[in-house]
N, C-alpha and C. Protein backbone atom coordinates (compact mmCIF):
# COMPACT_ATOMS: atom_id res chain seq x y z
N MET A 1 -6.73 -4.15 -8.13
CA MET A 1 -5.40 -4.25 -7.58
C MET A 1 -4.61 -2.98 -7.88
N THR A 2 -4.90 -2.35 -8.98
CA THR A 2 -4.15 -1.16 -9.36
C THR A 2 -4.27 -0.06 -8.31
N LEU A 3 -5.45 0.11 -7.75
CA LEU A 3 -5.60 1.16 -6.72
C LEU A 3 -4.75 0.86 -5.50
N TYR A 4 -4.71 -0.38 -5.07
CA TYR A 4 -3.84 -0.72 -3.94
C TYR A 4 -2.39 -0.36 -4.27
N HIS A 5 -1.94 -0.73 -5.45
CA HIS A 5 -0.58 -0.45 -5.88
C HIS A 5 -0.32 1.06 -5.89
N GLU A 6 -1.18 1.80 -6.56
CA GLU A 6 -0.96 3.23 -6.75
C GLU A 6 -1.04 4.00 -5.43
N VAL A 7 -1.99 3.66 -4.59
CA VAL A 7 -2.12 4.36 -3.31
C VAL A 7 -0.91 4.09 -2.43
N LEU A 8 -0.48 2.84 -2.35
CA LEU A 8 0.69 2.53 -1.52
C LEU A 8 1.93 3.21 -2.07
N GLU A 9 2.10 3.18 -3.37
CA GLU A 9 3.27 3.80 -3.98
C GLU A 9 3.25 5.33 -3.77
N ALA A 10 2.10 5.94 -3.98
CA ALA A 10 1.99 7.40 -3.80
C ALA A 10 2.20 7.80 -2.35
N ALA A 11 1.65 7.04 -1.43
CA ALA A 11 1.82 7.34 0.00
C ALA A 11 3.29 7.21 0.40
N THR A 12 3.96 6.24 -0.17
CA THR A 12 5.38 6.03 0.12
C THR A 12 6.20 7.24 -0.33
N VAL A 13 5.90 7.75 -1.51
CA VAL A 13 6.63 8.90 -2.05
C VAL A 13 6.28 10.17 -1.28
N ALA A 14 5.01 10.32 -0.89
CA ALA A 14 4.55 11.55 -0.26
C ALA A 14 4.91 11.65 1.22
N ALA A 15 5.05 10.53 1.89
CA ALA A 15 5.30 10.55 3.33
C ALA A 15 6.71 11.05 3.63
N ASP A 16 6.81 11.83 4.69
CA ASP A 16 8.12 12.34 5.10
C ASP A 16 8.25 12.23 6.61
N PRO A 17 8.90 11.23 7.09
CA PRO A 17 9.56 10.14 6.38
C PRO A 17 8.58 9.00 6.09
N SER A 18 8.94 8.16 5.15
CA SER A 18 8.14 6.97 4.85
C SER A 18 8.38 5.93 5.94
N PRO A 19 7.36 5.14 6.27
CA PRO A 19 7.55 4.07 7.25
C PRO A 19 8.63 3.09 6.79
N ASP A 20 9.35 2.53 7.73
CA ASP A 20 10.39 1.55 7.41
C ASP A 20 9.85 0.38 6.59
N SER A 21 8.57 0.05 6.79
CA SER A 21 7.99 -1.11 6.11
C SER A 21 7.92 -0.96 4.60
N VAL A 22 8.08 0.26 4.08
CA VAL A 22 7.96 0.47 2.64
C VAL A 22 9.21 1.07 2.00
N LEU A 23 10.22 1.35 2.78
CA LEU A 23 11.40 2.05 2.25
C LEU A 23 12.11 1.30 1.14
N GLU A 24 12.17 0.01 1.21
CA GLU A 24 12.95 -0.77 0.24
C GLU A 24 12.09 -1.42 -0.85
N LEU A 25 10.82 -1.05 -0.95
CA LEU A 25 9.95 -1.68 -1.94
C LEU A 25 10.27 -1.20 -3.35
N ASN A 26 10.18 -2.12 -4.31
CA ASN A 26 10.35 -1.76 -5.72
C ASN A 26 9.02 -2.01 -6.44
N GLU A 27 9.01 -1.79 -7.73
CA GLU A 27 7.77 -1.91 -8.51
C GLU A 27 7.16 -3.30 -8.40
N GLN A 28 7.96 -4.33 -8.43
CA GLN A 28 7.44 -5.70 -8.30
C GLN A 28 6.85 -5.94 -6.92
N ASP A 29 7.46 -5.36 -5.89
CA ASP A 29 6.92 -5.48 -4.54
C ASP A 29 5.54 -4.83 -4.44
N PHE A 30 5.39 -3.64 -5.03
CA PHE A 30 4.09 -2.97 -5.02
C PHE A 30 3.04 -3.81 -5.73
N ASP A 31 3.40 -4.44 -6.84
CA ASP A 31 2.46 -5.33 -7.55
C ASP A 31 2.07 -6.52 -6.68
N ARG A 32 3.06 -7.16 -6.08
CA ARG A 32 2.80 -8.33 -5.23
C ARG A 32 1.89 -7.95 -4.07
N ILE A 33 2.19 -6.85 -3.42
CA ILE A 33 1.40 -6.39 -2.28
C ILE A 33 -0.02 -6.06 -2.72
N ALA A 34 -0.18 -5.45 -3.89
CA ALA A 34 -1.52 -5.12 -4.38
C ALA A 34 -2.37 -6.38 -4.51
N TYR A 35 -1.81 -7.44 -5.07
CA TYR A 35 -2.55 -8.70 -5.19
C TYR A 35 -2.85 -9.30 -3.82
N GLU A 36 -1.89 -9.23 -2.92
CA GLU A 36 -2.10 -9.74 -1.57
C GLU A 36 -3.21 -8.97 -0.86
N MET A 37 -3.18 -7.65 -0.99
CA MET A 37 -4.20 -6.83 -0.32
C MET A 37 -5.58 -7.09 -0.91
N HIS A 38 -5.64 -7.26 -2.21
CA HIS A 38 -6.94 -7.57 -2.82
C HIS A 38 -7.46 -8.90 -2.30
N GLY A 39 -6.59 -9.88 -2.20
CA GLY A 39 -7.01 -11.18 -1.68
C GLY A 39 -7.39 -11.13 -0.21
N GLN A 40 -6.70 -10.32 0.56
CA GLN A 40 -6.94 -10.25 1.99
C GLN A 40 -8.09 -9.31 2.35
N LEU A 41 -8.16 -8.15 1.69
CA LEU A 41 -9.13 -7.13 2.07
C LEU A 41 -10.32 -7.02 1.13
N GLY A 42 -10.17 -7.52 -0.09
CA GLY A 42 -11.24 -7.40 -1.08
C GLY A 42 -11.05 -6.19 -1.96
N PRO A 43 -12.13 -5.74 -2.59
CA PRO A 43 -12.04 -4.59 -3.50
C PRO A 43 -11.43 -3.36 -2.82
N ALA A 44 -10.82 -2.52 -3.61
CA ALA A 44 -10.12 -1.34 -3.08
C ALA A 44 -11.10 -0.20 -2.79
N THR A 45 -11.78 -0.32 -1.67
CA THR A 45 -12.67 0.74 -1.22
C THR A 45 -11.86 1.73 -0.39
N PRO A 46 -12.39 2.92 -0.13
CA PRO A 46 -11.66 3.86 0.72
C PRO A 46 -11.28 3.27 2.08
N SER A 47 -12.19 2.56 2.71
CA SER A 47 -11.86 1.99 4.02
C SER A 47 -10.81 0.89 3.91
N ASN A 48 -10.85 0.08 2.85
CA ASN A 48 -9.83 -0.96 2.67
C ASN A 48 -8.47 -0.36 2.34
N LEU A 49 -8.46 0.72 1.58
CA LEU A 49 -7.19 1.40 1.30
C LEU A 49 -6.60 1.97 2.60
N ASN A 50 -7.44 2.54 3.42
CA ASN A 50 -6.97 3.04 4.72
C ASN A 50 -6.45 1.90 5.59
N ARG A 51 -7.13 0.77 5.58
CA ARG A 51 -6.66 -0.39 6.35
C ARG A 51 -5.29 -0.84 5.86
N MET A 52 -5.09 -0.86 4.55
CA MET A 52 -3.80 -1.24 4.00
C MET A 52 -2.71 -0.28 4.47
N LEU A 53 -2.98 1.02 4.41
CA LEU A 53 -1.99 2.00 4.84
C LEU A 53 -1.66 1.83 6.32
N GLU A 54 -2.65 1.55 7.12
CA GLU A 54 -2.41 1.29 8.55
C GLU A 54 -1.53 0.06 8.74
N MET A 55 -1.74 -0.96 7.91
CA MET A 55 -0.95 -2.19 8.01
C MET A 55 0.53 -1.91 7.72
N PHE A 56 0.81 -0.91 6.91
CA PHE A 56 2.18 -0.55 6.58
C PHE A 56 2.70 0.62 7.43
N GLN A 57 1.99 0.90 8.53
CA GLN A 57 2.37 1.88 9.53
C GLN A 57 2.36 3.33 9.07
N PHE A 58 1.49 3.65 8.10
CA PHE A 58 1.29 5.06 7.78
C PHE A 58 0.37 5.64 8.84
N PRO A 59 0.61 6.87 9.23
CA PRO A 59 -0.25 7.48 10.27
C PRO A 59 -1.68 7.71 9.79
């Protein structure tokens, strides 16, 4: 779950501009989403991390 959290958080900070879907997220939101993504997508593989980013409208 940590990789989902860290990748989403890092992409949010790095993107210019960040997608609207992540602009208001806080640390607890990133944790919650990480658990949801692990449950929905499974282990944090490169392809699953990319799928997560697509779900949050990152290019």
